[in-house]
Amino acid sequence: MIPAWLVSPWLRYGAVAAVAGIVVGIAQGWRYGERIAGLERDWSQERAALSEAARRAETAARAEEGRRQAAIDEVQSHAQQELDAAVRRERAAADVRVRDAVAAYAARHRPAADPGAAPAGQAAGDPLSVLADLLGELDGLAESYAAAADRARIAGHACERAYDSLSAAP
């Protein structure tokens, strides 16, 4: 055993401080362990809350996407119906033009009762028939331009309706 007079008071104070430090360190470690467990628990709850919020946001986004797609489908269906109606009108007008053209052709190429009619292969010189042909061609061109304009108008209206349906607030 070491005599007490050899052990300096500073050494005793150092030993006591070392033992106290070890005890405090163990106590602090225990507290930090509890604190870390609490932080892990809080993070777990936060992660679950974020996961639920993400699920709700995804559900809302899918519902909005479905609403927009339904609106676009409705606009496309309506535009297709309008285009089908325009095509039916164009075909009916074309049928009328063909019948009129056949009637005009038949009227032009009937044998003339006039013995002074122009021989085959030569112009008859009738300005009215030339004018009628020109007017018929102009009518055909006007109808094709009108049909193109109808298609463009229908497509433009469909585009406007699609934009309005998508930009409308849900």
Protein backbone atom coordinates (compact mmCIF):
# COMPACT_ATOMS: atom_id res chain seq x y z
CA MET A 1 0.00 0.00 0.00
CA ILE A 2 1.14 3.49 -0.73
CA PRO A 3 1.51 5.78 2.22
CA ALA A 4 -0.92 8.68 2.27
CA TRP A 5 1.81 11.29 2.44
CA LEU A 6 3.12 10.00 -0.98
CA VAL A 7 -0.15 10.44 -2.67
CA SER A 8 -0.47 14.03 -3.49
CA PRO A 9 -3.79 15.75 -3.15
CA TRP A 10 -3.74 16.53 -6.83
CA LEU A 11 -3.55 12.87 -7.68
CA ARG A 12 -6.51 12.20 -5.44
CA TYR A 13 -8.43 15.02 -7.07
CA GLY A 14 -7.51 13.64 -10.48
CA ALA A 15 -8.69 10.15 -9.58
CA VAL A 16 -11.95 11.49 -8.18
CA ALA A 17 -12.42 13.61 -11.33
CA ALA A 18 -11.74 10.60 -13.56
CA VAL A 19 -14.26 8.45 -11.71
CA ALA A 20 -16.79 11.31 -11.81
CA GLY A 21 -16.15 11.72 -15.54
CA ILE A 22 -16.77 8.05 -16.16
CA VAL A 23 -20.01 8.14 -14.16
CA VAL A 24 -21.18 11.31 -15.96
CA GLY A 25 -20.23 9.81 -19.35
CA ILE A 26 -22.25 6.70 -18.66
CA ALA A 27 -25.21 8.83 -17.56
CA GLN A 28 -24.89 11.05 -20.64
CA GLY A 29 -24.67 8.02 -22.89
CA TRP A 30 -27.87 6.70 -21.42
CA ARG A 31 -29.58 10.08 -21.98
CA TYR A 32 -28.27 10.32 -25.55
CA GLY A 33 -29.53 6.80 -26.21
CA GLU A 34 -33.01 7.86 -25.11
CA ARG A 35 -32.77 11.02 -27.20
CA ILE A 36 -31.68 9.07 -30.30
CA ALA A 37 -34.55 6.61 -29.80
CA GLY A 38 -36.96 9.57 -29.55
CA LEU A 39 -35.56 11.12 -32.73
CA GLU A 40 -35.88 7.80 -34.57
CA ARG A 41 -39.48 7.51 -33.39
CA ASP A 42 -40.22 11.09 -34.52
CA TRP A 43 -38.59 10.46 -37.92
CA SER A 44 -40.62 7.29 -38.35
CA GLN A 45 -43.84 9.22 -37.69
CA GLU A 46 -42.77 12.02 -40.06
CA ARG A 47 -41.92 9.50 -42.78
CA ALA A 48 -45.37 7.89 -42.40
CA ALA A 49 -47.05 11.31 -42.60
CA LEU A 50 -45.07 12.22 -45.73
CA SER A 51 -45.93 8.88 -47.31
CA GLU A 52 -49.63 9.46 -46.65
CA ALA A 53 -49.43 13.01 -48.06
CA ALA A 54 -47.72 11.68 -51.20
CA ARG A 55 -50.42 9.03 -51.61
CA ARG A 56 -53.18 11.67 -51.30
CA ALA A 57 -51.41 13.96 -53.77
CA GLU A 58 -51.04 11.10 -56.26
CA THR A 59 -54.73 10.22 -55.91
CA ALA A 60 -55.72 13.85 -56.49
CA ALA A 61 -53.42 14.12 -59.52
CA ARG A 62 -54.85 10.94 -61.03
CA ALA A 63 -58.40 12.22 -60.50
CA GLU A 64 -57.52 15.51 -62.22
CA GLU A 65 -55.88 13.63 -65.08
CA GLY A 66 -59.01 11.51 -65.47
CA ARG A 67 -61.22 14.62 -65.49
CA ARG A 68 -59.07 16.27 -68.14
CA GLN A 69 -58.95 13.14 -70.29
CA ALA A 70 -62.74 12.79 -70.10
CA ALA A 71 -63.12 16.43 -71.16
CA ILE A 72 -60.74 15.93 -74.10
CA ASP A 73 -62.54 12.72 -75.12
CA GLU A 74 -65.87 14.57 -75.08
CA VAL A 75 -64.44 17.41 -77.20
CA GLN A 76 -62.96 14.92 -79.68
CA SER A 77 -66.24 13.04 -79.92
CA HIS A 78 -68.17 16.24 -80.55
CA ALA A 79 -65.63 17.41 -83.16
CA GLN A 80 -65.78 14.02 -84.90
CA GLN A 81 -69.58 14.25 -85.06
CA GLU A 82 -69.32 17.73 -86.59
CA LEU A 83 -66.73 16.52 -89.10
CA ASP A 84 -68.90 13.55 -90.02
CA ALA A 85 -71.85 15.90 -90.60
CA ALA A 86 -69.66 18.19 -92.73
CA VAL A 87 -68.48 15.20 -94.80
CA ARG A 88 -72.10 14.09 -95.31
CA ARG A 89 -73.00 17.61 -96.48
CA GLU A 90 -70.01 17.65 -98.84
CA ARG A 91 -70.95 14.28 -100.30
CA ALA A 92 -74.54 15.37 -100.80
CA ALA A 93 -73.35 18.55 -102.51
CA ALA A 94 -70.95 16.49 -104.67
CA ASP A 95 -73.81 14.19 -105.66
CA VAL A 96 -75.84 17.21 -106.73
CA ARG A 97 -72.88 18.59 -108.69
CA VAL A 98 -72.35 15.27 -110.45
CA ARG A 99 -76.02 15.03 -111.41
CA ASP A 100 -75.98 18.62 -112.66
CA ALA A 101 -72.77 18.00 -114.60
CA VAL A 102 -74.21 14.87 -116.20
CA ALA A 103 -77.37 16.77 -117.14
CA ALA A 104 -75.32 19.61 -118.59
CA TYR A 105 -73.12 17.17 -120.49
CA ALA A 106 -76.15 15.42 -121.87
CA ALA A 107 -77.67 18.73 -122.89
CA ARG A 108 -74.47 19.84 -124.65
CA HIS A 109 -73.93 16.61 -126.52
CA ARG A 110 -77.42 15.86 -127.72
CA PRO A 111 -77.67 15.76 -131.42
CA ALA A 112 -78.65 19.18 -132.57
CA ALA A 113 -81.77 19.56 -134.59
CA ASP A 114 -80.17 22.49 -136.32
CA PRO A 115 -78.51 21.40 -139.54
CA GLY A 116 -76.13 24.36 -139.21
CA ALA A 117 -74.56 22.99 -136.02
CA ALA A 118 -70.81 22.85 -135.85
CA PRO A 119 -69.18 19.61 -136.98
CA ALA A 120 -67.62 17.30 -134.42
CA GLY A 121 -64.24 18.42 -133.08
CA GLN A 122 -64.86 22.11 -133.76
CA ALA A 123 -65.93 24.72 -131.27
CA ALA A 124 -69.53 25.72 -131.52
CA GLY A 125 -68.59 29.25 -130.60
CA ASP A 126 -71.36 29.50 -128.02
CA PRO A 127 -70.16 31.93 -125.34
CA LEU A 128 -72.95 30.86 -123.00
CA SER A 129 -71.68 27.28 -122.82
CA VAL A 130 -68.15 28.51 -122.11
CA LEU A 131 -69.52 30.76 -119.37
CA ALA A 132 -71.55 27.89 -117.93
CA ASP A 133 -68.43 25.67 -117.86
CA LEU A 134 -66.42 28.37 -116.11
CA LEU A 135 -69.17 28.98 -113.59
CA GLY A 136 -69.41 25.24 -112.94
CA GLU A 137 -65.68 25.02 -112.30
CA LEU A 138 -65.80 28.08 -110.04
CA ASP A 139 -68.70 26.54 -108.14
CA GLY A 140 -66.72 23.32 -107.64
CA LEU A 141 -63.68 25.25 -106.39
CA ALA A 142 -65.82 27.37 -104.07
CA GLU A 143 -67.37 24.26 -102.58
CA SER A 144 -63.98 22.64 -102.00
CA TYR A 145 -62.71 25.83 -100.32
CA ALA A 146 -65.88 26.01 -98.22
CA ALA A 147 -65.42 22.38 -97.19
CA ALA A 148 -61.82 23.08 -96.15
CA ALA A 149 -62.97 26.16 -94.23
CA ASP A 150 -65.68 24.11 -92.50
CA ARG A 151 -63.11 21.52 -91.43
CA ALA A 152 -60.75 24.23 -90.15
CA ARG A 153 -63.57 25.94 -88.25
CA ILE A 154 -64.64 22.65 -86.64
CA ALA A 155 -61.04 21.84 -85.68
CA GLY A 156 -60.57 25.37 -84.27
CA HIS A 157 -63.73 25.15 -82.18
CA ALA A 158 -62.66 21.72 -80.91
CA CYS A 159 -59.28 23.13 -79.94
CA GLU A 160 -60.92 26.05 -78.10
CA ARG A 161 -63.24 23.70 -76.21
CA ALA A 162 -60.32 21.43 -75.30
CA TYR A 163 -58.31 24.39 -74.00
CA ASP A 164 -61.27 25.72 -72.03
CA SER A 165 -61.95 22.32 -70.48
CA LEU A 166 -58.32 21.96 -69.41
CA SER A 167 -57.88 25.49 -68.13
CA ALA A 168 -61.13 25.43 -66.13
CA ALA A 169 -60.60 25.21 -62.40
CA PRO A 170 -61.46 21.78 -60.98
